[in-house]
Protein backbone atom coordinates (compact mmCIF):
# COMPACT_ATOMS: atom_id res chain seq x y z
CA MET A 1 11.78 -25.19 15.82
CA GLU A 2 14.74 -27.53 15.46
CA LYS A 3 12.70 -30.03 13.41
CA TRP A 4 12.15 -27.70 10.47
CA LYS A 5 15.52 -26.00 10.80
CA GLU A 6 17.37 -29.13 9.72
CA LYS A 7 15.29 -29.45 6.57
CA ILE A 8 15.01 -25.93 5.22
CA VAL A 9 17.70 -23.67 6.66
CA ILE A 10 20.60 -23.28 4.27
CA SER A 11 23.73 -21.49 5.34
CA THR A 12 25.78 -20.07 2.48
CA THR A 13 28.26 -17.38 1.59
CA LEU A 14 27.28 -14.09 -0.02
CA ASN A 15 29.32 -14.99 -3.09
CA ASP A 16 27.44 -18.28 -3.60
CA LEU A 17 24.11 -16.52 -3.11
CA SER A 18 25.13 -13.89 -5.65
CA ASN A 19 26.08 -16.56 -8.18
CA TRP A 20 22.80 -18.38 -7.58
CA SER A 21 20.84 -15.19 -8.21
CA ARG A 22 22.73 -14.57 -11.45
CA LEU A 23 21.99 -18.08 -12.66
CA SER A 24 18.24 -17.50 -12.54
CA SER A 25 15.98 -14.73 -11.40
CA LEU A 26 15.79 -15.13 -7.63
CA TRP A 27 12.61 -13.98 -5.89
CA PRO A 28 13.40 -13.21 -2.24
CA LEU A 29 11.08 -12.29 0.59
CA LEU A 30 12.65 -9.95 3.13
CA TYR A 31 11.32 -10.69 6.61
CA GLY A 32 12.35 -8.48 9.51
CA THR A 33 11.40 -8.73 13.16
CA SER A 34 13.30 -5.83 14.72
CA CYS A 35 15.38 -2.74 14.03
CA CYS A 36 18.02 -4.84 12.21
CA PHE A 37 15.65 -5.01 9.26
CA ILE A 38 16.09 -1.31 8.40
CA GLU A 39 19.66 -1.88 7.21
CA PHE A 40 18.59 -5.09 5.52
CA ALA A 41 15.72 -3.41 3.65
CA SER A 42 18.11 -0.92 2.07
CA LEU A 43 19.08 -3.69 -0.36
CA ILE A 44 15.92 -2.90 -2.29
CA GLY A 45 16.94 0.73 -2.79
CA SER A 46 18.71 2.14 -5.80
CA ARG A 47 22.09 2.45 -4.07
CA PHE A 48 22.65 -1.31 -3.92
CA ASP A 49 20.62 -2.03 -7.07
CA PHE A 50 18.76 -5.19 -6.13
CA ASP A 51 17.45 -5.46 -9.71
CA ARG A 52 20.94 -5.70 -11.18
CA TYR A 53 21.13 -9.30 -10.03
CA GLY A 54 17.66 -10.12 -11.32
CA LEU A 55 16.22 -10.16 -7.81
CA VAL A 56 12.51 -9.43 -7.69
CA PRO A 57 11.24 -8.72 -4.15
CA ARG A 58 8.04 -10.55 -3.28
CA SER A 59 5.46 -9.89 -0.60
CA SER A 60 4.20 -13.44 -0.26
CA PRO A 61 6.14 -16.52 0.92
CA ARG A 62 4.26 -18.56 -1.66
CA GLN A 63 5.91 -16.61 -4.48
CA ALA A 64 9.38 -16.41 -2.92
CA ASP A 65 12.33 -18.66 -3.73
CA LEU A 66 14.26 -17.45 -0.71
CA ILE A 67 13.24 -15.96 2.64
CA LEU A 68 15.88 -13.66 4.10
CA THR A 69 15.34 -12.95 7.78
CA ALA A 70 16.83 -10.26 9.98
CA GLY A 71 16.19 -9.83 13.66
CA ASN A 72 15.33 -11.91 16.65
CA SER A 73 14.08 -15.46 16.38
CA ASN A 74 11.71 -17.02 18.87
CA ASN A 75 9.07 -19.73 19.13
CA GLU A 76 6.39 -17.54 17.56
CA ASN A 77 8.52 -17.01 14.46
CA GLY A 78 9.28 -20.72 14.34
CA ALA A 79 5.58 -21.52 14.36
CA LEU A 80 5.00 -18.95 11.62
CA PHE A 81 7.72 -20.39 9.40
CA SER A 82 6.52 -23.95 9.93
CA GLU A 83 3.04 -22.86 8.75
CA ILE A 84 4.51 -21.15 5.70
CA ILE A 85 6.51 -24.17 4.69
């Protein structure tokens, strides 16, 4: 898991992510593995207005510019992400 983490994991601030999404239409994939995802998925709802920033949720990693994960991480998830990328 550490091999791919160095190449593709980007740590950023919410402000920088917001500016990046305003620059061009960002297509995120929301990926949740536990109960933490319920709060995370509320971003798509009308209260937080995901569309205001030009974000278009995608259901396929192939179409996504950004994969946002919430929940536990383990070796199975690492294998899944290495196959996706």
